[in-house]
């Protein structure tokens, strides 16, 4: 599988389960690996044959910025909705989540089943 990478996508959102976490927006950093077949787009050089990862990025930013989620796992489902996406790896980190740690996060790997 070919991979589209989106690295260090930053946003601020309400996320977490504790009342203290839900008072103020927190910084989150999202990294994505989108699995797809890029051969057709590479051969044709047509945008219509490619995965529009700019549109995916915009949807993720909008979701994060408007989020009042308790968990970060919802981001993986946005990417998988695209017909050409075979799978996705999402790593979402909260840089200020834990004292004495650079960050805390969740990595999710999902593949479509045939």
PDB file of N, CA and C in Angstrom:
ATOM      1  N   UNK A   1       0.839  -1.190   0.000  1.00  0.00           N
ATOM      2  CA  UNK A   1       0.000   0.000   0.000  1.00  0.00           C
ATOM      3  C   UNK A   1       0.881   1.251   0.000  1.00  0.00           C
ATOM      4  N   UNK A   2       0.425   2.229  -0.731  1.00  0.00           N
ATOM      5  CA  UNK A   2       1.078   3.532  -0.715  1.00  0.00           C
ATOM      6  C   UNK A   2       0.587   4.284   0.513  1.00  0.00           C
ATOM      7  N   UNK A   3       1.327   5.314   0.881  1.00  0.00           N
ATOM      8  CA  UNK A   3       0.992   6.062   2.096  1.00  0.00           C
ATOM      9  C   UNK A   3       1.012   7.558   1.841  1.00  0.00           C
ATOM     10  N   UNK A   4       0.005   8.224   2.352  1.00  0.00           N
ATOM     11  CA  UNK A   4      -0.036   9.687   2.389  1.00  0.00           C
ATOM     12  C   UNK A   4       0.225  10.058   3.838  1.00  0.00           C
ATOM     13  N   UNK A   5       1.155  10.968   4.059  1.00  0.00           N
ATOM     14  CA  UNK A   5       1.546  11.364   5.412  1.00  0.00           C
ATOM     15  C   UNK A   5       1.120  12.803   5.688  1.00  0.00           C
ATOM     16  N   UNK A   6       0.522  13.002   6.822  1.00  0.00           N
ATOM     17  CA  UNK A   6       0.239  14.349   7.322  1.00  0.00           C
ATOM     18  C   UNK A   6       0.844  14.391   8.716  1.00  0.00           C
ATOM     19  N   UNK A   7       1.819  15.274   8.899  1.00  0.00           N
ATOM     20  CA  UNK A   7       2.595  15.287  10.143  1.00  0.00           C
ATOM     21  C   UNK A   7       2.377  16.550  10.956  1.00  0.00           C
ATOM     22  N   UNK A   8       2.292  16.350  12.250  1.00  0.00           N
ATOM     23  CA  UNK A   8       2.249  17.442  13.234  1.00  0.00           C
ATOM     24  C   UNK A   8       1.159  18.473  12.957  1.00  0.00           C
ATOM     25  N   UNK A   9      -0.029  17.990  12.664  1.00  0.00           N
ATOM     26  CA  UNK A   9      -1.191  18.846  12.472  1.00  0.00           C
ATOM     27  C   UNK A   9      -1.649  19.322  13.846  1.00  0.00           C
ATOM     28  N   UNK A  10      -1.589  20.609  14.069  1.00  0.00           N
ATOM     29  CA  UNK A  10      -1.863  21.157  15.400  1.00  0.00           C
ATOM     30  C   UNK A  10      -3.257  21.747  15.489  1.00  0.00           C
ATOM     31  N   UNK A  11      -3.842  21.605  16.669  1.00  0.00           N
ATOM     32  CA  UNK A  11      -5.149  22.174  16.933  1.00  0.00           C
ATOM     33  C   UNK A  11      -5.363  22.332  18.427  1.00  0.00           C
ATOM     34  N   UNK A  12      -6.455  22.978  18.778  1.00  0.00           N
ATOM     35  CA  UNK A  12      -6.824  23.155  20.191  1.00  0.00           C
ATOM     36  C   UNK A  12      -8.265  22.704  20.350  1.00  0.00           C
ATOM     37  N   UNK A  13      -8.506  21.941  21.413  1.00  0.00           N
ATOM     38  CA  UNK A  13      -9.861  21.430  21.601  1.00  0.00           C
ATOM     39  C   UNK A  13     -10.122  21.067  23.059  1.00  0.00           C
ATOM     40  N   UNK A  14     -11.395  20.908  23.337  1.00  0.00           N
ATOM     41  CA  UNK A  14     -11.816  20.341  24.617  1.00  0.00           C
ATOM     42  C   UNK A  14     -11.749  18.836  24.429  1.00  0.00           C
ATOM     43  N   UNK A  15     -10.950  18.168  25.239  1.00  0.00           N
ATOM     44  CA  UNK A  15     -10.815  16.709  25.150  1.00  0.00           C
ATOM     45  C   UNK A  15     -10.458  16.163  26.521  1.00  0.00           C
ATOM     46  N   UNK A  16     -10.962  15.012  26.830  1.00  0.00           N
ATOM     47  CA  UNK A  16     -10.636  14.380  28.099  1.00  0.00           C
ATOM     48  C   UNK A  16     -11.875  14.022  28.881  1.00  0.00           C
ATOM     49  N   UNK A  17     -11.668  13.287  29.961  1.00  0.00           N
ATOM     50  CA  UNK A  17     -12.790  12.799  30.752  1.00  0.00           C
ATOM     51  C   UNK A  17     -12.933  13.512  32.087  1.00  0.00           C
ATOM     52  N   UNK A  18     -11.868  14.124  32.585  1.00  0.00           N
ATOM     53  CA  UNK A  18     -11.922  14.817  33.875  1.00  0.00           C
ATOM     54  C   UNK A  18     -12.487  16.224  33.712  1.00  0.00           C
ATOM     55  N   UNK A  19     -13.161  16.714  34.749  1.00  0.00           N
ATOM     56  CA  UNK A  19     -13.739  18.064  34.711  1.00  0.00           C
ATOM     57  C   UNK A  19     -12.656  19.113  34.438  1.00  0.00           C
ATOM     58  N   UNK A  20     -11.488  18.937  35.019  1.00  0.00           N
ATOM     59  CA  UNK A  20     -10.387  19.890  34.825  1.00  0.00           C
ATOM     60  C   UNK A  20      -9.954  19.932  33.358  1.00  0.00           C
ATOM     61  N   UNK A  21      -9.908  18.770  32.694  1.00  0.00           N
ATOM     62  CA  UNK A  21      -9.526  18.707  31.284  1.00  0.00           C
ATOM     63  C   UNK A  21     -10.566  19.374  30.394  1.00  0.00           C
ATOM     64  N   UNK A  22     -11.804  19.409  30.832  1.00  0.00           N
ATOM     65  CA  UNK A  22     -12.893  19.888  30.005  1.00  0.00           C
ATOM     66  C   UNK A  22     -13.178  21.384  30.174  1.00  0.00           C
ATOM     67  N   UNK A  23     -12.418  22.046  31.047  1.00  0.00           N
ATOM     68  CA  UNK A  23     -12.621  23.485  31.264  1.00  0.00           C
ATOM     69  C   UNK A  23     -12.037  24.351  30.159  1.00  0.00           C
ATOM     70  N   UNK A  24     -10.830  24.020  29.720  1.00  0.00           N
ATOM     71  CA  UNK A  24     -10.124  24.847  28.741  1.00  0.00           C
ATOM     72  C   UNK A  24      -9.661  24.000  27.569  1.00  0.00           C
ATOM     73  N   UNK A  25      -9.544  24.653  26.417  1.00  0.00           N
ATOM     74  CA  UNK A  25      -9.020  23.954  25.247  1.00  0.00           C
ATOM     75  C   UNK A  25      -7.569  23.546  25.499  1.00  0.00           C
ATOM     76  N   UNK A  26      -7.224  22.373  24.986  1.00  0.00           N
ATOM     77  CA  UNK A  26      -5.867  21.852  25.101  1.00  0.00           C
ATOM     78  C   UNK A  26      -5.247  21.734  23.711  1.00  0.00           C
ATOM     79  N   UNK A  27      -3.934  21.832  23.647  1.00  0.00           N
ATOM     80  CA  UNK A  27      -3.224  21.594  22.397  1.00  0.00           C
ATOM     81  C   UNK A  27      -3.237  20.105  22.097  1.00  0.00           C
ATOM     82  N   UNK A  28      -3.449  19.764  20.837  1.00  0.00           N
ATOM     83  CA  UNK A  28      -3.312  18.393  20.378  1.00  0.00           C
ATOM     84  C   UNK A  28      -2.517  18.399  19.080  1.00  0.00           C
ATOM     85  N   UNK A  29      -1.751  17.344  18.875  1.00  0.00           N
ATOM     86  CA  UNK A  29      -0.962  17.176  17.659  1.00  0.00           C
ATOM     87  C   UNK A  29      -1.401  15.864  17.027  1.00  0.00           C
ATOM     88  N   UNK A  30      -1.762  15.928  15.744  1.00  0.00           N
ATOM     89  CA  UNK A  30      -2.247  14.752  15.041  1.00  0.00           C
ATOM     90  C   UNK A  30      -1.284  14.403  13.915  1.00  0.00           C
ATOM     91  N   UNK A  31      -0.928  13.132  13.835  1.00  0.00           N
ATOM     92  CA  UNK A  31      -0.115  12.595  12.742  1.00  0.00           C
ATOM     93  C   UNK A  31      -0.913  11.483  12.083  1.00  0.00           C
ATOM     94  N   UNK A  32      -0.948  11.512  10.749  1.00  0.00           N
ATOM     95  CA  UNK A  32      -1.740  10.547   9.997  1.00  0.00           C
ATOM     96  C   UNK A  32      -0.889   9.820   8.967  1.00  0.00           C
ATOM     97  N   UNK A  33      -1.144   8.539   8.824  1.00  0.00           N
ATOM     98  CA  UNK A  33      -0.639   7.748   7.713  1.00  0.00           C
ATOM     99  C   UNK A  33      -1.884   7.153   7.063  1.00  0.00           C
ATOM    100  N   UNK A  34      -2.136   7.571   5.835  1.00  0.00           N
ATOM    101  CA  UNK A  34      -3.324   7.134   5.107  1.00  0.00           C
ATOM    102  C   UNK A  34      -2.881   6.117   4.063  1.00  0.00           C
ATOM    103  N   UNK A  35      -3.405   4.905   4.142  1.00  0.00           N
ATOM    104  CA  UNK A  35      -3.053   3.837   3.212  1.00  0.00           C
ATOM    105  C   UNK A  35      -4.012   3.841   2.030  1.00  0.00           C
ATOM    106  N   UNK A  36      -3.437   3.891   0.840  1.00  0.00           N
ATOM    107  CA  UNK A  36      -4.245   3.928  -0.376  1.00  0.00           C
ATOM    108  C   UNK A  36      -3.402   3.434  -1.544  1.00  0.00           C
ATOM    109  N   UNK A  37      -4.002   3.248  -2.676  1.00  0.00           N
ATOM    110  CA  UNK A  37      -3.291   2.857  -3.891  1.00  0.00           C
ATOM    111  C   UNK A  37      -3.173   4.098  -4.772  1.00  0.00           C
ATOM    112  N   UNK A  38      -1.955   4.582  -4.946  1.00  0.00           N
ATOM    113  CA  UNK A  38      -1.728   5.818  -5.704  1.00  0.00           C
ATOM    114  C   UNK A  38      -1.310   5.560  -7.158  1.00  0.00           C
ATOM    115  N   UNK A  39      -1.349   4.317  -7.604  1.00  0.00           N
ATOM    116  CA  UNK A  39      -0.888   4.007  -8.969  1.00  0.00           C
ATOM    117  C   UNK A  39      -1.704   4.718 -10.039  1.00  0.00           C
ATOM    118  N   UNK A  40      -3.026   4.702  -9.906  1.00  0.00           N
ATOM    119  CA  UNK A  40      -3.877   5.331 -10.924  1.00  0.00           C
ATOM    120  C   UNK A  40      -3.590   6.824 -11.010  1.00  0.00           C
ATOM    121  N   UNK A  41      -3.494   7.494  -9.877  1.00  0.00           N
ATOM    122  CA  UNK A  41      -3.193   8.941  -9.867  1.00  0.00           C
ATOM    123  C   UNK A  41      -1.799   9.211 -10.421  1.00  0.00           C
ATOM    124  N   UNK A  42      -0.855   8.349 -10.098  1.00  0.00           N
ATOM    125  CA  UNK A  42       0.506   8.520 -10.614  1.00  0.00           C
ATOM    126  C   UNK A  42       0.583   8.375 -12.119  1.00  0.00           C
ATOM    127  N   UNK A  43      -0.206   7.446 -12.660  1.00  0.00           N
ATOM    128  CA  UNK A  43      -0.224   7.227 -14.111  1.00  0.00           C
ATOM    129  C   UNK A  43      -0.935   8.334 -14.848  1.00  0.00           C
ATOM    130  N   UNK A  44      -2.086   8.757 -14.302  1.00  0.00           N
ATOM    131  CA  UNK A  44      -2.933   9.719 -15.023  1.00  0.00           C
ATOM    132  C   UNK A  44      -2.562  11.173 -14.752  1.00  0.00           C
ATOM    133  N   UNK A  45      -1.961  11.435 -13.600  1.00  0.00           N
ATOM    134  CA  UNK A  45      -1.656  12.800 -13.161  1.00  0.00           C
ATOM    135  C   UNK A  45      -2.934  13.642 -13.072  1.00  0.00           C
ATOM    136  N   UNK A  46      -4.052  12.977 -12.728  1.00  0.00           N
ATOM    137  CA  UNK A  46      -5.340  13.650 -12.585  1.00  0.00           C
ATOM    138  C   UNK A  46      -5.713  13.731 -11.112  1.00  0.00           C
ATOM    139  N   UNK A  47      -6.114  14.909 -10.681  1.00  0.00           N
ATOM    140  CA  UNK A  47      -6.513  15.118  -9.290  1.00  0.00           C
ATOM    141  C   UNK A  47      -7.696  14.234  -8.901  1.00  0.00           C
ATOM    142  N   UNK A  48      -8.591  13.994  -9.842  1.00  0.00           N
ATOM    143  CA  UNK A  48      -9.760  13.164  -9.585  1.00  0.00           C
ATOM    144  C   UNK A  48      -9.420  11.717  -9.258  1.00  0.00           C
ATOM    145  N   UNK A  49      -8.231  11.280  -9.617  1.00  0.00           N
ATOM    146  CA  UNK A  49      -7.793   9.915  -9.331  1.00  0.00           C
ATOM    147  C   UNK A  49      -7.017   9.816  -8.013  1.00  0.00           C
ATOM    148  N   UNK A  50      -6.834  10.939  -7.342  1.00  0.00           N
ATOM    149  CA  UNK A  50      -6.045  10.977  -6.111  1.00  0.00           C
ATOM    150  C   UNK A  50      -6.956  11.111  -4.889  1.00  0.00           C
ATOM    151  N   UNK A  51      -6.386  10.854  -3.737  1.00  0.00           N
ATOM    152  CA  UNK A  51      -7.079  11.131  -2.476  1.00  0.00           C
ATOM    153  C   UNK A  51      -6.830  12.598  -2.146  1.00  0.00           C
ATOM    154  N   UNK A  52      -7.880  13.346  -1.941  1.00  0.00           N
ATOM    155  CA  UNK A  52      -7.750  14.768  -1.618  1.00  0.00           C
ATOM    156  C   UNK A  52      -7.407  14.900  -0.137  1.00  0.00           C
ATOM    157  N   UNK A  53      -6.121  14.827   0.170  1.00  0.00           N
ATOM    158  CA  UNK A  53      -5.724  14.878   1.572  1.00  0.00           C
ATOM    159  C   UNK A  53      -5.802  16.282   2.136  1.00  0.00           C
ATOM    160  N   UNK A  54      -5.883  17.281   1.296  1.00  0.00           N
ATOM    161  CA  UNK A  54      -6.137  18.642   1.795  1.00  0.00           C
ATOM    162  C   UNK A  54      -7.546  18.708   2.399  1.00  0.00           C
ATOM    163  N   UNK A  55      -8.506  18.105   1.701  1.00  0.00           N
ATOM    164  CA  UNK A  55      -9.882  18.071   2.219  1.00  0.00           C
ATOM    165  C   UNK A  55      -9.958  17.264   3.513  1.00  0.00           C
ATOM    166  N   UNK A  56      -9.243  16.134   3.567  1.00  0.00           N
ATOM    167  CA  UNK A  56      -9.204  15.347   4.804  1.00  0.00           C
ATOM    168  C   UNK A  56      -8.626  16.172   5.947  1.00  0.00           C
ATOM    169  N   UNK A  57      -7.530  16.877   5.663  1.00  0.00           N
ATOM    170  CA  UNK A  57      -6.891  17.715   6.686  1.00  0.00           C
ATOM    171  C   UNK A  57      -7.855  18.779   7.189  1.00  0.00           C
ATOM    172  N   UNK A  58      -8.579  19.405   6.281  1.00  0.00           N
ATOM    173  CA  UNK A  58      -9.540  20.439   6.683  1.00  0.00           C
ATOM    174  C   UNK A  58     -10.642  19.853   7.567  1.00  0.00           C
ATOM    175  N   UNK A  59     -11.131  18.664   7.211  1.00  0.00           N
ATOM    176  CA  UNK A  59     -12.179  18.031   8.030  1.00  0.00           C
ATOM    177  C   UNK A  59     -11.659  17.692   9.419  1.00  0.00           C
ATOM    178  N   UNK A  60     -10.425  17.219   9.481  1.00  0.00           N
ATOM    179  CA  UNK A  60      -9.840  16.859  10.779  1.00  0.00           C
ATOM    180  C   UNK A  60      -9.626  18.110  11.624  1.00  0.00           C
ATOM    181  N   UNK A  61      -9.097  19.165  11.032  1.00  0.00           N
ATOM    182  CA  UNK A  61      -8.899  20.419  11.773  1.00  0.00           C
ATOM    183  C   UNK A  61     -10.240  20.936  12.286  1.00  0.00           C
ATOM    184  N   UNK A  62     -11.263  20.934  11.440  1.00  0.00           N
ATOM    185  CA  UNK A  62     -12.592  21.406  11.861  1.00  0.00           C
ATOM    186  C   UNK A  62     -13.136  20.542  12.995  1.00  0.00           C
ATOM    187  N   UNK A  63     -12.954  19.228  12.875  1.00  0.00           N
ATOM    188  CA  UNK A  63     -13.433  18.340  13.928  1.00  0.00           C
ATOM    189  C   UNK A  63     -12.697  18.589  15.239  1.00  0.00           C
ATOM    190  N   UNK A  64     -11.367  18.725  15.165  1.00  0.00           N
ATOM    191  CA  UNK A  64     -10.569  18.949  16.373  1.00  0.00           C
ATOM    192  C   UNK A  64     -10.922  20.290  16.997  1.00  0.00           C
ATOM    193  N   UNK A  65     -10.944  21.337  16.202  1.00  0.00           N
ATOM    194  CA  UNK A  65     -11.193  22.673  16.731  1.00  0.00           C
ATOM    195  C   UNK A  65     -12.592  22.804  17.339  1.00  0.00           C
ATOM    196  N   UNK A  66     -13.551  22.071  16.795  1.00  0.00           N
ATOM    197  CA  UNK A  66     -14.911  22.136  17.313  1.00  0.00           C
ATOM    198  C   UNK A  66     -15.243  21.032  18.303  1.00  0.00           C
ATOM    199  N   UNK A  67     -14.233  20.282  18.675  1.00  0.00           N
ATOM    200  CA  UNK A  67     -14.438  19.079  19.482  1.00  0.00           C
ATOM    201  C   UNK A  67     -14.829  19.355  20.925  1.00  0.00           C
ATOM    202  N   UNK A  68     -15.724  18.514  21.374  1.00  0.00           N
ATOM    203  CA  UNK A  68     -16.022  18.390  22.798  1.00  0.00           C
ATOM    204  C   UNK A  68     -16.031  16.900  23.127  1.00  0.00           C
ATOM    205  N   UNK A  69     -15.219  16.151  22.359  1.00  0.00           N
ATOM    206  CA  UNK A  69     -15.141  14.707  22.541  1.00  0.00           C
ATOM    207  C   UNK A  69     -14.469  14.365  23.869  1.00  0.00           C
ATOM    208  N   UNK A  70     -14.782  13.192  24.341  1.00  0.00           N
ATOM    209  CA  UNK A  70     -14.090  12.657  25.506  1.00  0.00           C
ATOM    210  C   UNK A  70     -12.845  11.887  25.082  1.00  0.00           C
ATOM    211  N   UNK A  71     -12.875  11.324  23.877  1.00  0.00           N
ATOM    212  CA  UNK A  71     -11.783  10.485  23.394  1.00  0.00           C
ATOM    213  C   UNK A  71     -11.337  10.938  22.007  1.00  0.00           C
ATOM    214  N   UNK A  72     -10.093  10.631  21.653  1.00  0.00           N
ATOM    215  CA  UNK A  72      -9.544  11.040  20.364  1.00  0.00           C
ATOM    216  C   UNK A  72      -9.814  10.037  19.243  1.00  0.00           C
ATOM    217  N   UNK A  73     -10.365   8.893  19.555  1.00  0.00           N
ATOM    218  CA  UNK A  73     -10.499   7.811  18.600  1.00  0.00           C
ATOM    219  C   UNK A  73     -11.374   8.139  17.379  1.00  0.00           C
ATOM    220  N   UNK A  74     -12.196   9.159  17.457  1.00  0.00           N
ATOM    221  CA  UNK A  74     -13.116   9.499  16.368  1.00  0.00           C
ATOM    222  C   UNK A  74     -12.405   9.938  15.087  1.00  0.00           C
ATOM    223  N   UNK A  75     -11.175  10.454  15.168  1.00  0.00           N
ATOM    224  CA  UNK A  75     -10.472  10.950  13.983  1.00  0.00           C
ATOM    225  C   UNK A  75     -10.259   9.850  12.943  1.00  0.00           C
ATOM    226  N   UNK A  76      -9.983   8.651  13.376  1.00  0.00           N
ATOM    227  CA  UNK A  76      -9.733   7.551  12.437  1.00  0.00           C
ATOM    228  C   UNK A  76     -10.913   7.314  11.508  1.00  0.00           C
ATOM    229  N   UNK A  77     -12.121   7.513  12.006  1.00  0.00           N
ATOM    230  CA  UNK A  77     -13.305   7.244  11.196  1.00  0.00           C
ATOM    231  C   UNK A  77     -13.482   8.266  10.084  1.00  0.00           C
ATOM    232  N   UNK A  78     -13.075   9.499  10.291  1.00  0.00           N
ATOM    233  CA  UNK A  78     -13.177  10.515   9.235  1.00  0.00           C
ATOM    234  C   UNK A  78     -12.364  10.084   8.020  1.00  0.00           C
ATOM    235  N   UNK A  79     -11.146   9.609   8.244  1.00  0.00           N
ATOM    236  CA  UNK A  79     -10.274   9.209   7.134  1.00  0.00           C
ATOM    237  C   UNK A  79     -10.810   7.989   6.411  1.00  0.00           C
ATOM    238  N   UNK A  80     -11.350   7.048   7.148  1.00  0.00           N
ATOM    239  CA  UNK A  80     -11.810   5.802   6.546  1.00  0.00           C
ATOM    240  C   UNK A  80     -13.061   5.987   5.695  1.00  0.00           C
ATOM    241  N   UNK A  81     -13.756   7.098   5.852  1.00  0.00           N
ATOM    242  CA  UNK A  81     -14.968   7.340   5.062  1.00  0.00           C
ATOM    243  C   UNK A  81     -14.668   7.498   3.572  1.00  0.00           C
ATOM    244  N   UNK A  82     -13.464   7.926   3.218  1.00  0.00           N
ATOM    245  CA  UNK A  82     -13.099   8.134   1.821  1.00  0.00           C
ATOM    246  C   UNK A  82     -12.992   6.771   1.134  1.00  0.00           C
ATOM    247  N   UNK A  83     -13.625   6.628  -0.023  1.00  0.00           N
ATOM    248  CA  UNK A  83     -13.690   5.336  -0.709  1.00  0.00           C
ATOM    249  C   UNK A  83     -12.313   4.772  -1.055  1.00  0.00           C
ATOM    250  N   UNK A  84     -11.358   5.624  -1.396  1.00  0.00           N
ATOM    251  CA  UNK A  84     -10.042   5.146  -1.830  1.00  0.00           C
ATOM    252  C   UNK A  84      -9.101   4.831  -0.672  1.00  0.00           C
ATOM    253  N   UNK A  85      -9.489   5.141   0.537  1.00  0.00           N
ATOM    254  CA  UNK A  85      -8.627   4.901   1.693  1.00  0.00           C
ATOM    255  C   UNK A  85      -8.836   3.470   2.185  1.00  0.00           C
ATOM    256  N   UNK A  86      -7.746   2.698   2.167  1.00  0.00           N
ATOM    257  CA  UNK A  86      -7.806   1.297   2.593  1.00  0.00           C
ATOM    258  C   UNK A  86      -7.571   1.157   4.091  1.00  0.00           C
ATOM    259  N   UNK A  87      -6.878   2.112   4.664  1.00  0.00           N
ATOM    260  CA  UNK A  87      -6.586   2.058   6.089  1.00  0.00           C
ATOM    261  C   UNK A  87      -5.978   3.363   6.552  1.00  0.00           C
ATOM    262  N   UNK A  88      -5.848   3.487   7.851  1.00  0.00           N
ATOM    263  CA  UNK A  88      -5.311   4.718   8.409  1.00  0.00           C
ATOM    264  C   UNK A  88      -4.631   4.424   9.738  1.00  0.00           C
ATOM    265  N   UNK A  89      -3.562   5.154   9.977  1.00  0.00           N
ATOM    266  CA  UNK A  89      -2.923   5.141  11.295  1.00  0.00           C
ATOM    267  C   UNK A  89      -2.963   6.569  11.794  1.00  0.00           C
ATOM    268  N   UNK A  90      -3.568   6.774  12.941  1.00  0.00           N
ATOM    269  CA  UNK A  90      -3.702   8.102  13.528  1.00  0.00           C
ATOM    270  C   UNK A  90      -2.980   8.095  14.864  1.00  0.00           C
ATOM    271  N   UNK A  91      -2.079   9.032  15.030  1.00  0.00           N
ATOM    272  CA  UNK A  91      -1.424   9.240  16.321  1.00  0.00           C
ATOM    273  C   UNK A  91      -1.803  10.633  16.785  1.00  0.00           C
ATOM    274  N   UNK A  92      -2.547  10.708  17.867  1.00  0.00           N
ATOM    275  CA  UNK A  92      -2.963  11.991  18.408  1.00  0.00           C
ATOM    276  C   UNK A  92      -2.364  12.138  19.803  1.00  0.00           C
ATOM    277  N   UNK A  93      -1.654  13.236  20.006  1.00  0.00           N
ATOM    278  CA  UNK A  93      -0.968  13.468  21.266  1.00  0.00           C
ATOM    279  C   UNK A  93      -1.407  14.775  21.905  1.00  0.00           C
ATOM    280  N   UNK A  94      -1.392  14.781  23.213  1.00  0.00           N
ATOM    281  CA  UNK A  94      -1.652  15.980  23.996  1.00  0.00           C
ATOM    282  C   UNK A  94      -0.340  16.354  24.682  1.00  0.00           C
ATOM    283  N   UNK A  95       0.341  17.413  24.192  1.00  0.00           N
ATOM    284  CA  UNK A  95       1.655  17.757  24.729  1.00  0.00           C
ATOM    285  C   UNK A  95       1.664  18.117  26.215  1.00  0.00           C
ATOM    286  N   UNK A  96       0.582  18.635  26.733  1.00  0.00           N
ATOM    287  CA  UNK A  96       0.579  19.056  28.135  1.00  0.00           C
ATOM    288  C   UNK A  96      -0.268  18.137  29.014  1.00  0.00           C
ATOM    289  N   UNK A  97      -0.533  16.922  28.540  1.00  0.00           N
ATOM    290  CA  UNK A  97      -1.456  16.041  29.255  1.00  0.00           C
ATOM    291  C   UNK A  97      -0.893  15.485  30.561  1.00  0.00           C
ATOM    292  N   UNK A  98       0.383  15.195  30.597  1.00  0.00           N
ATOM    293  CA  UNK A  98       0.951  14.552  31.779  1.00  0.00           C
ATOM    294  C   UNK A  98       2.223  15.248  32.218  1.00  0.00           C
ATOM    295  N   UNK A  99       2.281  15.550  33.469  1.00  0.00           N
ATOM    296  CA  UNK A  99       3.468  16.164  34.051  1.00  0.00           C
ATOM    297  C   UNK A  99       4.644  15.209  33.913  1.00  0.00           C
ATOM    298  N   UNK A 100       5.787  15.737  33.604  1.00  0.00           N
ATOM    299  CA  UNK A 100       7.042  15.002  33.438  1.00  0.00           C
ATOM    300  C   UNK A 100       7.117  14.185  32.150  1.00  0.00           C
ATOM    301  N   UNK A 101       6.115  14.287  31.284  1.00  0.00           N
ATOM    302  CA  UNK A 101       6.139  13.588  29.992  1.00  0.00           C
ATOM    303  C   UNK A 101       6.046  14.613  28.872  1.00  0.00           C
ATOM    304  N   UNK A 102       6.745  14.365  27.789  1.00  0.00           N
ATOM    305  CA  UNK A 102       6.675  15.261  26.640  1.00  0.00           C
ATOM    306  C   UNK A 102       5.239  15.333  26.114  1.00  0.00           C
ATOM    307  N   UNK A 103       4.571  14.181  26.094  1.00  0.00           N
ATOM    308  CA  UNK A 103       3.177  14.139  25.660  1.00  0.00           C
ATOM    309  C   UNK A 103       2.569  12.800  26.066  1.00  0.00           C
ATOM    310  N   UNK A 104       1.259  12.739  25.948  1.00  0.00           N
ATOM    311  CA  UNK A 104       0.525  11.486  26.103  1.00  0.00           C
ATOM    312  C   UNK A 104      -0.389  11.387  24.892  1.00  0.00           C
ATOM    313  N   UNK A 105      -0.598  10.183  24.413  1.00  0.00           N
ATOM    314  CA  UNK A 105      -1.408  10.084  23.215  1.00  0.00           C
ATOM    315  C   UNK A 105      -1.978   8.716  22.982  1.00  0.00           C
ATOM    316  N   UNK A 106      -2.648   8.624  21.838  1.00  0.00           N
ATOM    317  CA  UNK A 106      -3.289   7.396  21.410  1.00  0.00           C
ATOM    318  C   UNK A 106      -2.912   7.167  19.955  1.00  0.00           C
ATOM    319  N   UNK A 107      -2.547   5.933  19.631  1.00  0.00           N
ATOM    320  CA  UNK A 107      -2.319   5.563  18.243  1.00  0.00           C
ATOM    321  C   UNK A 107      -3.378   4.537  17.853  1.00  0.00           C
ATOM    322  N   UNK A 108      -4.034   4.804  16.740  1.00  0.00           N
ATOM    323  CA  UNK A 108      -5.109   3.948  16.268  1.00  0.00           C
ATOM    324  C   UNK A 108      -4.769   3.492  14.850  1.00  0.00           C
ATOM    325  N   UNK A 109      -4.898   2.215  14.600  1.00  0.00           N
ATOM    326  CA  UNK A 109      -4.681   1.664  13.255  1.00  0.00           C
ATOM    327  C   UNK A 109      -5.958   0.952  12.853  1.00  0.00           C
ATOM    328  N   UNK A 110      -6.523   1.368  11.720  1.00  0.00           N
ATOM    329  CA  UNK A 110      -7.751   0.757  11.226  1.00  0.00           C
ATOM    330  C   UNK A 110      -7.600   0.452   9.740  1.00  0.00           C
ATOM    331  N   UNK A 111      -8.054  -0.708   9.342  1.00  0.00           N
ATOM    332  CA  UNK A 111      -8.088  -1.099   7.931  1.00  0.00           C
ATOM    333  C   UNK A 111      -9.516  -1.427   7.551  1.00  0.00           C
ATOM    334  N   UNK A 112      -9.870  -1.123   6.334  1.00  0.00           N
ATOM    335  CA  UNK A 112     -11.181  -1.521   5.833  1.00  0.00           C
ATOM    336  C   UNK A 112     -11.141  -3.013   5.557  1.00  0.00           C
ATOM    337  N   UNK A 113     -12.245  -3.654   5.801  1.00  0.00           N
ATOM    338  CA  UNK A 113     -12.343  -5.065   5.462  1.00  0.00           C
ATOM    339  C   UNK A 113     -13.088  -5.194   4.148  1.00  0.00           C
ATOM    340  N   UNK A 114     -12.654  -6.110   3.329  1.00  0.00           N
ATOM    341  CA  UNK A 114     -13.270  -6.289   1.999  1.00  0.00           C
ATOM    342  C   UNK A 114     -14.615  -6.931   2.090  1.00  0.00           C
TER     343      UNK A 114
END
